[in-house]
Amino acid sequence: MEEITLTEQNYHSTEARKLYMGYSQFKDFLDCPKKALAKINGELEEKQTEALLFGSYVDAYFSGTLNDFILEHNEIFNAKTGQLKAPYVNVEKVIESIENDELLYKMLQGEHQVIMTGIIAGVPFKIKVDSFFKDKYIVDQKVMRDMNPVWIETDGRKGKVNFVEAFRYDLEGAIYQEIVRQRTGKRLPFILAVTTKEDVPAKALLKIDQEDLDKALEEVKRLAPKFQAMKEGKIEPYGCGKCEVCRKDKKITGIFSYHIYDPFQNDDF
C-alpha cells in the first residue's frame, strides 16, 4: 500500500488503519488479534460509546473544533429539548473544572492534535498528540469515570492495579515518545492530563516514569512485528476466546460437567 498523508479527516480511516499501527490498534492486538483484524478490515463496526463521545466532546472543546463535533454527533443531544442527554450532562462540569485549574489548563494549551508517523521495529506507527509542547512535553488528555484502581485478570496477574497500568497507558506513552523522538530528535516526558466525570471532577497531571516507558517500548518492539505479520496475513491470528468475534466463531466440542466447564476455552484458541 502506498504511503498516505495523514490528516484529521483520514486519521481513523480504513486505509490508515491498514497502513499504520497505533496505540489503540496495538492494544487491540494484545487483547485479541482476531478482533483487531476484524476492526482493521472493517468487518467489525467500532461503536461510538458514550464514554468515547464524552471524552471526544472535551477534546473538541479544547482543540477548538467543538462546533464540528456537535454537527457530526447530534445524537448526544435530546431532539426535543436540545439539551445534552443524561450520559453527557457532566461534560460542562469537566470543562469548567479544567478551566478553573491554572496548571491543568496550561498543560492543555500546547499545539493541538499533532499527527506524526514513524517506524518502530520495522512497523509503521501513527500518533496524534492532544497537546504538544515542542522541546518540552507530550500531553495526552484523559476523561475517565474515576481514578480508582481497576480489577484485571491478564498476563498471569489477578487483582486491582493502578488505572495507568490497567489500561496500559505506559504503552501509549512509549509509542508517542519514540515517534516524537524520531521526528524531533528529543525524548520528551509523557504526561497524562486526567479529569474524571464525577459530579465533582477529580483532576491530576501524571507523569509516566522513563523507566516504565523504556520497558513498555521494549514490549512494543518485541510484539509489533508479530502483529504486523498478522495484518499482512503471514501469521494466523489467534483469538482470546472471550470477545464477540471469538464467540461468533466458537464451536461446541463436547459435553462437559458444569463444575469444570470453561466458557472461554476452545480448541481453536
Protein backbone atom coordinates (compact mmCIF):
# COMPACT_ATOMS: atom_id res chain seq x y z
CA MET A 1 0.00 0.00 0.00
CA GLU A 2 1.28 3.44 -0.94
CA GLU A 3 2.06 5.91 1.82
CA ILE A 4 -0.67 8.46 2.55
CA THR A 5 -0.52 11.86 4.20
CA LEU A 6 -2.47 11.62 7.42
CA THR A 7 -4.92 14.39 8.27
CA GLU A 8 -7.66 14.91 10.85
CA GLN A 9 -10.14 13.68 8.25
CA ASN A 10 -8.44 10.39 7.32
CA TYR A 11 -6.54 9.56 10.52
CA HIS A 12 -9.12 6.93 11.56
CA SER A 13 -9.88 5.70 8.04
CA THR A 14 -9.69 2.04 6.98
CA GLU A 15 -6.76 2.89 4.73
CA ALA A 16 -4.86 4.49 7.63
CA ARG A 17 -5.60 1.54 9.94
CA LYS A 18 -4.24 -0.89 7.37
CA LEU A 19 -1.10 1.14 6.68
CA TYR A 20 -0.22 2.26 10.20
CA MET A 21 -0.33 0.76 13.66
CA GLY A 22 -1.05 2.95 16.69
CA TYR A 23 -1.54 2.59 20.39
CA SER A 24 -5.21 1.59 20.12
CA GLN A 25 -4.51 -0.97 17.42
CA PHE A 26 -1.52 -2.38 19.29
CA LYS A 27 -3.69 -2.69 22.41
CA ASP A 28 -6.38 -4.41 20.33
CA PHE A 29 -3.84 -6.99 19.21
CA LEU A 30 -2.74 -7.53 22.79
CA ASP A 31 -6.35 -8.19 23.79
CA CYS A 32 -7.36 -10.32 20.78
CA PRO A 33 -5.66 -10.45 17.37
CA LYS A 34 -8.79 -11.85 15.72
CA LYS A 35 -10.86 -8.91 16.90
CA ALA A 36 -8.09 -6.46 15.98
CA LEU A 37 -8.05 -7.74 12.40
CA ALA A 38 -11.84 -7.62 12.21
CA LYS A 39 -11.67 -3.91 13.12
CA ILE A 40 -8.86 -3.21 10.65
CA ASN A 41 -10.70 -4.92 7.78
CA GLY A 42 -13.99 -3.21 8.54
CA GLU A 43 -15.70 -6.49 9.48
CA LEU A 44 -16.48 -5.23 12.99
CA GLU A 45 -18.03 -1.81 13.34
CA GLU A 46 -16.37 0.30 16.01
CA LYS A 47 -19.12 1.60 18.21
CA GLN A 48 -19.18 5.23 19.32
CA THR A 49 -19.64 4.51 23.03
CA GLU A 50 -20.97 7.10 25.47
CA ALA A 51 -17.59 7.15 27.22
CA LEU A 52 -15.77 7.80 23.94
CA LEU A 53 -18.17 10.56 22.89
CA PHE A 54 -17.91 12.22 26.31
CA GLY A 55 -14.12 12.35 26.07
CA SER A 56 -14.23 13.46 22.44
CA TYR A 57 -16.52 16.36 23.38
CA VAL A 58 -13.94 17.62 25.88
CA ASP A 59 -11.10 17.09 23.39
CA ALA A 60 -13.01 19.02 20.74
CA TYR A 61 -13.69 21.90 23.14
CA PHE A 62 -10.03 22.41 23.97
CA SER A 63 -8.83 21.89 20.40
CA GLY A 64 -11.31 24.48 19.08
CA THR A 65 -13.33 22.02 16.99
CA LEU A 66 -16.44 21.73 19.19
CA ASN A 67 -18.82 23.12 16.55
CA ASP A 68 -17.71 20.48 14.05
CA PHE A 69 -18.03 17.76 16.71
CA ILE A 70 -21.58 18.81 17.59
CA LEU A 71 -22.64 18.84 13.93
CA GLU A 72 -21.23 15.34 13.49
CA HIS A 73 -22.62 13.92 16.74
CA ASN A 74 -26.01 15.49 17.35
CA GLU A 75 -27.11 12.18 18.87
CA ILE A 76 -25.71 13.35 22.21
CA PHE A 77 -28.50 15.96 22.41
CA ASN A 78 -32.17 15.45 23.19
CA ALA A 79 -34.06 16.10 19.97
CA LYS A 80 -36.97 17.78 21.78
CA THR A 81 -35.19 19.94 24.35
CA GLY A 82 -31.84 20.48 22.65
CA GLN A 83 -30.13 19.71 25.95
CA LEU A 84 -27.36 17.18 26.46
CA LYS A 85 -28.63 13.68 27.13
CA ALA A 86 -28.17 12.17 30.60
CA PRO A 87 -24.82 10.40 29.97
CA TYR A 88 -23.24 13.72 28.96
CA VAL A 89 -24.69 16.18 31.48
CA ASN A 90 -21.43 16.43 33.42
CA VAL A 91 -19.34 17.39 30.40
CA GLU A 92 -19.63 21.10 31.15
CA LYS A 93 -18.57 20.44 34.75
CA VAL A 94 -15.44 18.70 33.45
CA ILE A 95 -14.62 21.61 31.15
CA GLU A 96 -15.24 24.17 33.88
CA SER A 97 -13.10 22.18 36.32
CA ILE A 98 -10.21 22.18 33.86
CA GLU A 99 -10.53 25.89 33.06
CA ASN A 100 -10.55 26.73 36.78
CA ASP A 101 -7.29 24.84 37.37
CA GLU A 102 -4.42 27.02 36.18
CA LEU A 103 -1.77 24.33 35.76
CA LEU A 104 -4.05 21.71 34.22
CA TYR A 105 -5.49 24.26 31.80
CA LYS A 106 -2.00 25.43 30.85
CA MET A 107 -0.92 21.86 30.03
CA LEU A 108 -3.74 21.63 27.51
CA GLN A 109 -2.71 24.79 25.66
CA GLY A 110 0.01 23.26 23.52
CA GLU A 111 -0.29 22.57 19.80
CA HIS A 112 -3.48 20.53 19.44
CA GLN A 113 -3.98 17.16 17.72
CA VAL A 114 -0.48 16.92 16.25
CA ILE A 115 -0.18 13.98 13.86
CA MET A 116 3.17 12.23 13.40
CA THR A 117 4.32 8.95 11.88
CA GLY A 118 7.43 6.82 12.32
CA ILE A 119 8.81 3.29 12.35
CA ILE A 120 9.19 1.03 15.40
CA ALA A 121 10.85 -2.37 14.90
CA GLY A 122 10.17 -2.11 11.18
CA VAL A 123 6.45 -1.38 11.69
CA PRO A 124 4.84 1.93 10.58
CA PHE A 125 3.19 3.72 13.52
CA LYS A 126 0.99 6.79 13.77
CA ILE A 127 0.21 9.07 16.72
CA LYS A 128 -1.99 12.09 17.36
CA VAL A 129 -0.89 14.21 20.34
CA ASP A 130 -3.62 16.07 22.23
CA SER A 131 -1.34 18.87 23.47
CA PHE A 132 2.22 19.12 22.16
CA PHE A 133 4.83 21.44 23.62
CA LYS A 134 7.84 21.43 21.32
CA ASP A 135 11.03 20.54 23.20
CA LYS A 136 9.05 20.23 26.49
CA TYR A 137 6.11 17.83 26.86
CA ILE A 138 3.83 15.31 25.22
CA VAL A 139 0.44 15.68 26.92
CA ASP A 140 -2.41 13.21 26.47
CA GLN A 141 -5.83 14.15 27.81
CA LYS A 142 -7.91 11.50 29.58
CA VAL A 143 -11.51 11.91 30.73
CA MET A 144 -12.36 8.95 32.92
CA ARG A 145 -15.18 7.66 35.11
CA ASP A 146 -12.85 7.81 38.11
CA MET A 147 -9.22 7.19 39.03
CA ASN A 148 -9.82 4.20 41.27
CA PRO A 149 -7.73 1.02 40.95
CA VAL A 150 -9.02 -1.37 38.28
CA TRP A 151 -9.54 -5.11 38.62
CA ILE A 152 -7.61 -7.10 35.98
CA GLU A 153 -7.15 -10.76 35.14
CA THR A 154 -4.48 -10.89 32.45
CA ASP A 155 -0.87 -11.92 31.86
CA GLY A 156 -0.95 -14.12 34.93
CA ARG A 157 -1.99 -11.18 37.10
CA LYS A 158 -5.19 -11.04 39.09
CA GLY A 159 -6.23 -8.18 41.32
CA LYS A 160 -6.60 -4.40 41.46
CA VAL A 161 -3.92 -2.24 39.88
CA ASN A 162 -3.41 1.46 39.18
CA PHE A 163 -5.59 2.56 36.25
CA VAL A 164 -2.50 3.62 34.29
CA GLU A 165 -1.24 0.04 34.40
CA ALA A 166 -4.69 -1.46 33.82
CA PHE A 167 -5.30 0.49 30.60
CA ARG A 168 -1.64 0.20 29.52
CA TYR A 169 -1.07 3.90 29.12
CA ASP A 170 2.63 3.08 29.50
CA LEU A 171 2.45 1.53 26.02
CA GLU A 172 0.75 4.65 24.67
CA GLY A 173 3.43 6.86 26.22
CA ALA A 174 6.24 4.69 24.87
CA ILE A 175 4.87 4.79 21.33
CA TYR A 176 4.25 8.54 21.44
CA GLN A 177 7.63 9.33 22.94
CA GLU A 178 9.51 7.21 20.40
CA ILE A 179 7.72 8.65 17.36
CA VAL A 180 8.25 12.21 18.65
CA ARG A 181 11.93 11.38 19.22
CA GLN A 182 12.23 10.18 15.65
CA ARG A 183 10.61 13.33 14.31
CA THR A 184 12.26 15.92 16.56
CA GLY A 185 15.40 14.31 17.98
CA LYS A 186 14.12 14.95 21.53
CA ARG A 187 12.90 12.35 24.05
CA LEU A 188 10.17 14.29 25.85
CA PRO A 189 8.26 13.50 29.06
CA PHE A 190 4.85 11.86 28.55
CA ILE A 191 2.15 13.35 30.79
CA LEU A 192 -1.45 12.30 31.31
CA ALA A 193 -3.86 15.20 31.96
CA VAL A 194 -6.65 13.35 33.76
CA THR A 195 -10.11 14.57 34.71
CA THR A 196 -12.97 12.41 35.97
CA LYS A 197 -16.65 12.58 35.03
CA GLU A 198 -17.83 12.62 38.63
CA ASP A 199 -20.25 15.29 39.86
CA VAL A 200 -17.23 16.97 41.43
CA PRO A 201 -14.46 16.06 38.97
CA ALA A 202 -11.13 14.84 40.27
CA LYS A 203 -8.03 16.07 38.41
CA ALA A 204 -4.39 15.08 38.10
CA LEU A 205 -1.28 15.53 35.99
CA LEU A 206 0.53 12.20 35.93
CA LYS A 207 3.99 11.62 34.50
CA ILE A 208 4.84 8.07 33.45
CA ASP A 209 8.38 7.39 34.64
CA GLN A 210 11.04 6.94 31.99
CA GLU A 211 11.90 3.51 33.33
CA ASP A 212 8.32 2.40 32.68
CA LEU A 213 8.33 3.94 29.20
CA ASP A 214 11.59 2.20 28.32
CA LYS A 215 10.21 -1.14 29.46
CA ALA A 216 6.98 -0.61 27.52
CA LEU A 217 8.89 0.35 24.37
CA GLU A 218 10.79 -2.95 24.52
CA GLU A 219 7.42 -4.72 24.68
CA VAL A 220 6.25 -2.80 21.62
CA LYS A 221 9.43 -3.65 19.73
CA ARG A 222 9.06 -7.31 20.63
CA LEU A 223 5.41 -7.71 19.68
CA ALA A 224 4.78 -5.18 16.89
CA PRO A 225 6.50 -7.27 14.15
CA LYS A 226 4.37 -10.29 15.10
CA PHE A 227 1.17 -8.22 15.00
CA GLN A 228 2.22 -6.68 11.68
CA ALA A 229 2.75 -10.16 10.24
CA MET A 230 -0.83 -10.98 11.25
CA LYS A 231 -2.04 -7.82 9.48
CA GLU A 232 -0.22 -8.92 6.34
CA GLY A 233 -1.59 -12.47 6.50
CA LYS A 234 1.80 -14.06 7.15
CA ILE A 235 0.82 -15.41 10.58
CA GLU A 236 -2.55 -16.90 11.52
CA PRO A 237 -4.14 -14.76 14.27
CA TYR A 238 -5.24 -16.43 17.47
CA GLY A 239 -8.33 -15.46 19.45
CA CYS A 240 -8.94 -14.57 23.07
CA GLY A 241 -12.00 -16.83 23.31
CA LYS A 242 -13.97 -14.08 25.10
CA CYS A 243 -14.84 -11.25 22.71
CA GLU A 244 -17.77 -11.05 20.28
CA VAL A 245 -15.63 -12.15 17.33
CA CYS A 246 -14.42 -15.25 19.16
CA ARG A 247 -17.89 -16.07 20.47
CA LYS A 248 -19.23 -15.92 16.92
CA ASP A 249 -16.61 -18.40 15.69
CA LYS A 250 -16.74 -20.71 18.69
CA LYS A 251 -17.94 -24.29 18.14
CA ILE A 252 -19.13 -26.75 20.76
CA THR A 253 -16.56 -29.54 21.03
CA GLY A 254 -18.22 -31.78 23.62
CA ILE A 255 -20.38 -32.18 26.70
CA PHE A 256 -18.80 -31.14 29.99
CA SER A 257 -19.67 -31.09 33.67
CA TYR A 258 -20.60 -27.55 34.64
CA HIS A 259 -18.10 -27.85 37.52
CA ILE A 260 -15.17 -27.92 35.09
CA TYR A 261 -16.57 -26.15 32.04
CA ASP A 262 -14.62 -23.08 30.97
CA PRO A 263 -16.76 -20.88 28.66
CA PHE A 264 -13.66 -19.19 27.31
CA GLN A 265 -11.80 -22.37 26.41
CA ASN A 266 -11.93 -23.60 22.82
CA ASP A 267 -9.68 -25.94 20.89
CA ASP A 268 -9.47 -23.30 18.17
CA PHE A 269 -7.93 -20.81 20.55
